[in-house]
Amino acid sequence: MALVVSFVLVSVPAYANERPVGWEDPSAIDLSRVLMIFVLGPIGLALLIALGAAAPWLIRGEGLGSDPEKTDEWFGGPKGGAGELSGKQDASALESGGASGKY
C-alpha cells in the first residue's frame, strides 16, 4: 500500500505540467550565450585558478620556467656529492641501508 501511495505522490507533479497563470513563455537561448556559459566560463575559471596558483612565483620574480642556475639537490646523500660513492668503502658502509633481510 505504501508503495502505491508513494508512486502516486511522486508521479502527480509529472502530470501537472501546465504553466502557472502569471508566468511568461521562456525565450530561446542563442548559441553564443550557450558557448559563453558552458565553454568560455569553465576555461576562464581554470585560467583564474592557474593564475592564482602561479601568483606567488610571479610576485617573487621566479617566473614560470625552471632556473638554469639552480643545481639538483640530493636529500640524504653524501655531503661531498656523488664523488664520495665511488671511493673506498668500509665493511659497515656496505651493510648499511637497503633491505638486507637478515633474521
C-alpha atoms as a PDB file:
ATOM      1  CA  MET A   1       0.000   0.000   0.000  1.00  0.00           C
ATOM      2  CA  ALA A   2       2.801   2.407   0.886  1.00  0.00           C
ATOM      3  CA  LEU A   3       4.413   1.749  -2.486  1.00  0.00           C
ATOM      4  CA  VAL A   4       1.230   2.723  -4.340  1.00  0.00           C
ATOM      5  CA  VAL A   5       0.808   5.901  -2.285  1.00  0.00           C
ATOM      6  CA  SER A   6       4.433   6.941  -2.791  1.00  0.00           C
ATOM      7  CA  PHE A   7       4.173   6.248  -6.539  1.00  0.00           C
ATOM      8  CA  VAL A   8       1.059   8.438  -6.790  1.00  0.00           C
ATOM      9  CA  LEU A   9       2.670  11.248  -4.792  1.00  0.00           C
ATOM     10  CA  VAL A  10       5.804  11.186  -6.920  1.00  0.00           C
ATOM     11  CA  SER A  11       4.065  10.923 -10.291  1.00  0.00           C
ATOM     12  CA  VAL A  12       1.373  13.592  -9.747  1.00  0.00           C
ATOM     13  CA  PRO A  13       3.731  16.553 -10.411  1.00  0.00           C
ATOM     14  CA  ALA A  14       4.664  14.988 -13.760  1.00  0.00           C
ATOM     15  CA  TYR A  15       1.050  15.177 -14.893  1.00  0.00           C
ATOM     16  CA  ALA A  16       0.593  18.748 -13.700  1.00  0.00           C
ATOM     17  CA  ASN A  17       2.733  20.203 -16.466  1.00  0.00           C
ATOM     18  CA  GLU A  18       0.703  23.327 -17.134  1.00  0.00           C
ATOM     19  CA  ARG A  19       2.477  26.641 -16.644  1.00  0.00           C
ATOM     20  CA  PRO A  20       1.091  28.853 -13.863  1.00  0.00           C
ATOM     21  CA  VAL A  21      -1.153  31.685 -14.998  1.00  0.00           C
ATOM     22  CA  GLY A  22       1.225  34.615 -14.319  1.00  0.00           C
ATOM     23  CA  TRP A  23       4.305  33.101 -15.970  1.00  0.00           C
ATOM     24  CA  GLU A  24       5.515  34.023 -19.451  1.00  0.00           C
ATOM     25  CA  ASP A  25       6.848  31.663 -22.096  1.00  0.00           C
ATOM     26  CA  PRO A  26      10.643  31.423 -21.867  1.00  0.00           C
ATOM     27  CA  SER A  27      12.569  32.767 -24.848  1.00  0.00           C
ATOM     28  CA  ALA A  28      15.022  30.616 -26.776  1.00  0.00           C
ATOM     29  CA  ILE A  29      18.715  30.863 -25.842  1.00  0.00           C
ATOM     30  CA  ASP A  30      21.061  31.601 -28.739  1.00  0.00           C
ATOM     31  CA  LEU A  31      24.191  29.552 -29.405  1.00  0.00           C
ATOM     32  CA  SER A  32      26.651  32.311 -28.470  1.00  0.00           C
ATOM     33  CA  ARG A  33      25.225  32.510 -24.942  1.00  0.00           C
ATOM     34  CA  VAL A  34      25.374  28.718 -24.581  1.00  0.00           C
ATOM     35  CA  LEU A  35      29.012  28.673 -25.703  1.00  0.00           C
ATOM     36  CA  MET A  36      29.856  31.534 -23.374  1.00  0.00           C
ATOM     37  CA  ILE A  37      28.309  29.772 -20.376  1.00  0.00           C
ATOM     38  CA  PHE A  38      29.404  26.184 -20.987  1.00  0.00           C
ATOM     39  CA  VAL A  39      32.756  26.642 -22.775  1.00  0.00           C
ATOM     40  CA  LEU A  40      34.274  30.038 -22.060  1.00  0.00           C
ATOM     41  CA  GLY A  41      33.091  30.074 -18.454  1.00  0.00           C
ATOM     42  CA  PRO A  42      34.958  26.914 -17.373  1.00  0.00           C
ATOM     43  CA  ILE A  43      38.060  27.872 -19.403  1.00  0.00           C
ATOM     44  CA  GLY A  44      38.104  31.306 -17.789  1.00  0.00           C
ATOM     45  CA  LEU A  45      37.639  29.786 -14.346  1.00  0.00           C
ATOM     46  CA  ALA A  46      40.535  27.362 -14.952  1.00  0.00           C
ATOM     47  CA  LEU A  47      42.757  30.253 -16.061  1.00  0.00           C
ATOM     48  CA  LEU A  48      41.869  32.226 -12.936  1.00  0.00           C
ATOM     49  CA  ILE A  49      42.717  29.245 -10.725  1.00  0.00           C
ATOM     50  CA  ALA A  50      46.036  28.717 -12.558  1.00  0.00           C
ATOM     51  CA  LEU A  51      46.893  32.408 -12.231  1.00  0.00           C
ATOM     52  CA  GLY A  52      46.061  32.274  -8.540  1.00  0.00           C
ATOM     53  CA  ALA A  53      48.354  29.273  -8.096  1.00  0.00           C
ATOM     54  CA  ALA A  54      51.196  30.909 -10.054  1.00  0.00           C
ATOM     55  CA  ALA A  55      50.801  34.356  -8.477  1.00  0.00           C
ATOM     56  CA  PRO A  56      53.261  33.755  -5.585  1.00  0.00           C
ATOM     57  CA  TRP A  57      56.026  32.720  -8.033  1.00  0.00           C
ATOM     58  CA  LEU A  58      55.303  35.669 -10.280  1.00  0.00           C
ATOM     59  CA  ILE A  59      55.278  38.134  -7.370  1.00  0.00           C
ATOM     60  CA  ARG A  60      58.652  36.848  -6.119  1.00  0.00           C
ATOM     61  CA  GLY A  61      60.018  37.162  -9.639  1.00  0.00           C
ATOM     62  CA  GLU A  62      60.816  33.478 -10.080  1.00  0.00           C
ATOM     63  CA  GLY A  63      58.878  33.185 -13.344  1.00  0.00           C
ATOM     64  CA  LEU A  64      57.105  30.126 -14.663  1.00  0.00           C
ATOM     65  CA  GLY A  65      60.097  28.272 -16.176  1.00  0.00           C
ATOM     66  CA  SER A  66      62.937  26.464 -14.472  1.00  0.00           C
ATOM     67  CA  ASP A  67      66.045  28.362 -13.396  1.00  0.00           C
ATOM     68  CA  PRO A  68      69.190  27.088 -15.176  1.00  0.00           C
ATOM     69  CA  GLU A  69      71.423  28.399 -12.376  1.00  0.00           C
ATOM     70  CA  LYS A  70      69.904  26.124  -9.753  1.00  0.00           C
ATOM     71  CA  THR A  71      71.554  22.747  -9.292  1.00  0.00           C
ATOM     72  CA  ASP A  72      69.917  19.495  -8.320  1.00  0.00           C
ATOM     73  CA  GLU A  73      69.701  18.631  -4.633  1.00  0.00           C
ATOM     74  CA  TRP A  74      70.332  15.185  -3.220  1.00  0.00           C
ATOM     75  CA  PHE A  75      68.475  14.896   0.071  1.00  0.00           C
ATOM     76  CA  GLY A  76      70.136  12.464   2.459  1.00  0.00           C
ATOM     77  CA  GLY A  77      73.112  11.781   0.180  1.00  0.00           C
ATOM     78  CA  PRO A  78      76.776  12.242   0.990  1.00  0.00           C
ATOM     79  CA  LYS A  79      77.848  15.819   1.655  1.00  0.00           C
ATOM     80  CA  GLY A  80      80.603  15.707  -0.960  1.00  0.00           C
ATOM     81  CA  GLY A  81      78.244  14.634  -3.722  1.00  0.00           C
ATOM     82  CA  ALA A  82      78.265  11.514  -5.862  1.00  0.00           C
ATOM     83  CA  GLY A  83      82.080  11.513  -5.972  1.00  0.00           C
ATOM     84  CA  GLU A  84      82.207  10.106  -2.435  1.00  0.00           C
ATOM     85  CA  LEU A  85      80.325   6.998  -3.507  1.00  0.00           C
ATOM     86  CA  SER A  86      82.967   5.781  -5.914  1.00  0.00           C
ATOM     87  CA  GLY A  87      85.729   5.910  -3.288  1.00  0.00           C
ATOM     88  CA  LYS A  88      86.882   3.181  -0.899  1.00  0.00           C
ATOM     89  CA  GLN A  89      84.088   1.835   1.314  1.00  0.00           C
ATOM     90  CA  ASP A  90      84.441   0.062   4.618  1.00  0.00           C
ATOM     91  CA  ALA A  91      82.501  -3.057   5.623  1.00  0.00           C
ATOM     92  CA  SER A  92      79.937  -1.165   7.727  1.00  0.00           C
ATOM     93  CA  ALA A  93      79.042   1.070   4.768  1.00  0.00           C
ATOM     94  CA  LEU A  94      78.406  -1.985   2.589  1.00  0.00           C
ATOM     95  CA  GLU A  95      75.918  -3.389   5.120  1.00  0.00           C
ATOM     96  CA  SER A  96      74.056  -0.138   5.756  1.00  0.00           C
ATOM     97  CA  GLY A  97      70.778   0.689   4.065  1.00  0.00           C
ATOM     98  CA  GLY A  98      68.681  -1.370   1.729  1.00  0.00           C
ATOM     99  CA  ALA A  99      66.522  -4.370   2.523  1.00  0.00           C
ATOM    100  CA  SER A 100      69.100  -6.802   3.799  1.00  0.00           C
ATOM    101  CA  GLY A 101      66.523  -9.120   5.361  1.00  0.00           C
ATOM    102  CA  LYS A 102      68.756 -10.871   7.925  1.00  0.00           C
ATOM    103  CA  TYR A 103      66.944 -12.927  10.570  1.00  0.00           C
END
